[in-house]
Amino acid sequence: MNIKFLVIFLLFFFSFNISFAKCINGDCINGNGTYIFSEIFKFKKEEVKYEGEFKNKKPHGLGVMTFPDGSNYVGEFKDGKQNGKGTLIFSKTLNSTGGKYIGEFKNGKEHGLGKYLYLDGSEFIGEFKDGKRNGRGTWIINGKRYTDIYKDGEKVK
């Protein structure tokens, strides 16, 4: 067997990635509907489900998006991304302790004023930019408040 062919085949095999999308109910062009985004990555199928308003074949307006790990977002969308006010509920997984974020979003990330509620009862209320703490923020832990300044997700004061 040609070694060049084998290398190309193995690269293709281990980066196998196919995406599917389909409207399963309603008007997913310019109206209300339910859409499933499926992706097979390295032979593992993952699905994201969106139910809500569409504009030009993209989530736009109010809707609910459910992710493969069980997390979900309820709120406003613009051009296919979380944008405006919403709530993101995190499922408890290996990469997440669970909890939820209630606040503003821009281009699919926490942006503006928001509040994180953690399963241990602690809270963070503050400003976010591009998905990171940025500006003034207050932790509430066991009823006590701690206020700090953040930049790009790091505490600076």
Protein backbone atom coordinates (compact mmCIF):
# COMPACT_ATOMS: atom_id res chain seq x y z
CA MET A 1 0.00 0.00 0.00
CA ASN A 2 1.22 3.47 -0.84
CA ILE A 3 2.29 5.30 2.35
CA LYS A 4 0.98 8.64 1.04
CA PHE A 5 -2.47 7.13 0.50
CA LEU A 6 -2.42 5.61 3.99
CA VAL A 7 -1.52 8.95 5.63
CA ILE A 8 -4.30 10.77 3.73
CA PHE A 9 -6.80 8.06 4.63
CA LEU A 10 -5.89 8.19 8.33
CA LEU A 11 -6.08 11.99 8.43
CA PHE A 12 -9.54 11.86 6.86
CA PHE A 13 -10.70 9.01 9.11
CA PHE A 14 -9.68 10.72 12.37
CA SER A 15 -11.08 14.12 11.44
CA PHE A 16 -14.40 12.77 10.14
CA ASN A 17 -17.01 15.47 10.61
CA ILE A 18 -20.41 15.68 8.90
CA SER A 19 -23.17 18.17 9.67
CA PHE A 20 -26.90 17.84 9.05
CA ALA A 21 -29.72 20.27 9.66
CA LYS A 22 -33.44 19.97 9.14
CA CYS A 23 -36.69 21.68 9.98
CA ILE A 24 -38.89 19.16 11.77
CA ASN A 25 -41.91 21.38 12.40
CA GLY A 26 -43.36 24.70 11.27
CA ASP A 27 -41.77 27.49 9.23
CA CYS A 28 -37.99 27.54 9.74
CA ILE A 29 -37.45 30.19 7.07
CA ASN A 30 -39.44 33.23 8.24
CA GLY A 31 -41.80 32.18 11.02
CA ASN A 32 -41.98 29.81 13.99
CA GLY A 33 -40.58 26.32 13.87
CA THR A 34 -38.38 23.57 15.29
CA TYR A 35 -34.97 22.89 13.80
CA ILE A 36 -32.43 20.17 14.56
CA PHE A 37 -28.72 20.76 13.94
CA SER A 38 -26.89 17.42 13.95
CA GLU A 39 -23.18 16.83 13.71
CA ILE A 40 -21.26 13.60 13.58
CA PHE A 41 -17.75 14.21 14.88
CA LYS A 42 -15.43 11.24 15.12
CA PHE A 43 -18.48 8.96 14.88
CA LYS A 44 -20.29 10.56 17.83
CA LYS A 45 -23.62 12.18 16.97
CA GLU A 46 -24.50 15.43 18.72
CA GLU A 47 -27.71 17.39 18.25
CA VAL A 48 -28.72 20.95 19.03
CA LYS A 49 -32.45 21.65 18.95
CA TYR A 50 -33.93 25.10 18.41
CA GLU A 51 -37.60 25.98 18.85
CA GLY A 52 -38.74 29.50 18.15
CA GLU A 53 -38.76 32.35 15.67
CA PHE A 54 -36.79 32.39 12.43
CA LYS A 55 -35.74 35.09 9.99
CA ASN A 56 -33.89 34.24 6.77
CA LYS A 57 -33.44 30.59 7.90
CA LYS A 58 -31.70 31.60 11.16
CA PRO A 59 -32.91 31.72 14.77
CA HIS A 60 -34.08 35.31 15.21
CA GLY A 61 -36.42 36.60 17.91
CA LEU A 62 -37.53 34.55 20.92
CA GLY A 63 -36.57 30.90 21.19
CA VAL A 64 -35.22 27.94 23.15
CA MET A 65 -31.98 26.15 22.22
CA THR A 66 -31.15 22.80 23.82
CA PHE A 67 -27.54 21.51 23.66
CA PRO A 68 -26.24 17.91 23.62
CA ASP A 69 -25.12 17.99 27.27
CA GLY A 70 -28.62 19.00 28.42
CA SER A 71 -27.84 22.70 28.86
CA ASN A 72 -30.34 25.11 27.37
CA TYR A 73 -30.80 28.76 26.51
CA VAL A 74 -34.13 30.57 26.66
CA GLY A 75 -34.25 34.08 25.30
CA GLU A 76 -33.57 36.37 22.38
CA PHE A 77 -31.66 35.51 19.21
CA LYS A 78 -30.31 37.62 16.37
CA ASP A 79 -28.88 36.18 13.15
CA GLY A 80 -28.60 32.69 14.65
CA LYS A 81 -26.84 33.64 17.91
CA GLN A 82 -27.93 34.43 21.46
CA ASN A 83 -28.39 38.19 21.47
CA GLY A 84 -30.32 40.31 23.97
CA LYS A 85 -31.83 39.09 27.23
CA GLY A 86 -31.78 35.41 28.09
CA THR A 87 -31.14 32.60 30.55
CA LEU A 88 -28.51 29.92 30.02
CA ILE A 89 -28.94 26.87 32.26
CA PHE A 90 -25.83 24.71 32.50
CA SER A 91 -26.18 20.99 33.02
CA LYS A 92 -23.88 19.34 35.51
CA THR A 93 -21.15 17.62 33.46
CA LEU A 94 -17.45 16.90 33.66
CA ASN A 95 -16.75 20.42 32.35
CA SER A 96 -19.42 22.29 34.30
CA THR A 97 -20.60 22.50 37.88
CA GLY A 98 -24.09 23.40 36.73
CA GLY A 99 -26.02 26.54 37.59
CA LYS A 100 -27.34 29.31 35.38
CA TYR A 101 -26.64 32.72 33.91
CA ILE A 102 -29.40 35.30 33.63
CA GLY A 103 -28.64 38.45 31.72
CA GLU A 104 -27.57 40.00 28.47
CA PHE A 105 -25.91 38.31 25.49
CA LYS A 106 -24.18 39.53 22.35
CA ASN A 107 -23.03 37.30 19.49
CA GLY A 108 -23.62 34.13 21.52
CA LYS A 109 -21.65 35.24 24.61
CA GLU A 110 -22.43 36.84 27.95
CA HIS A 111 -22.16 40.58 27.35
CA GLY A 112 -23.55 43.42 29.47
CA LEU A 113 -25.15 43.01 32.89
CA GLY A 114 -25.71 39.51 34.18
CA LYS A 115 -25.98 37.19 37.12
CA TYR A 116 -24.53 33.71 37.63
CA LEU A 117 -26.30 31.46 40.12
CA TYR A 118 -24.24 28.45 41.23
CA LEU A 119 -25.55 25.19 42.65
CA ASP A 120 -23.70 25.79 45.93
CA GLY A 121 -25.87 28.90 46.49
CA SER A 122 -23.20 31.47 45.64
CA GLU A 123 -23.88 34.22 43.10
CA PHE A 124 -21.92 36.57 40.88
CA ILE A 125 -23.63 39.77 39.72
CA GLY A 126 -21.77 42.05 37.38
CA GLU A 127 -20.66 43.18 33.97
CA PHE A 128 -19.50 40.91 31.16
CA LYS A 129 -17.76 41.45 27.84
CA ASP A 130 -17.28 38.74 25.19
CA GLY A 131 -18.19 35.98 27.66
CA LYS A 132 -15.81 37.12 30.44
CA ARG A 133 -16.22 39.14 33.62
CA ASN A 134 -15.31 42.70 32.77
CA GLY A 135 -15.88 45.74 34.97
CA ARG A 136 -17.50 45.80 38.40
CA GLY A 137 -18.70 42.51 39.87
CA THR A 138 -20.02 41.31 43.20
CA TRP A 139 -19.80 37.81 44.64
CA ILE A 140 -22.42 36.80 47.21
CA ILE A 141 -21.18 33.84 49.26
CA ASN A 142 -23.02 32.67 52.39
CA GLY A 143 -24.80 36.03 52.56
CA LYS A 144 -21.58 38.09 52.44
CA ARG A 145 -20.78 40.45 49.55
CA TYR A 146 -17.36 40.87 47.92
CA THR A 147 -17.00 43.48 45.18
CA ASP A 148 -14.09 43.57 42.74
CA ILE A 149 -13.09 44.97 39.36
CA TYR A 150 -12.43 42.55 36.48
CA LYS A 151 -10.76 42.83 33.10
CA ASP A 152 -10.92 40.04 30.52
CA GLY A 153 -12.13 37.60 33.20
CA GLU A 154 -9.34 38.34 35.69
CA LYS A 155 -9.67 40.23 38.96
CA VAL A 156 -7.65 43.47 38.86
CA LYS A 157 -8.72 45.16 42.10
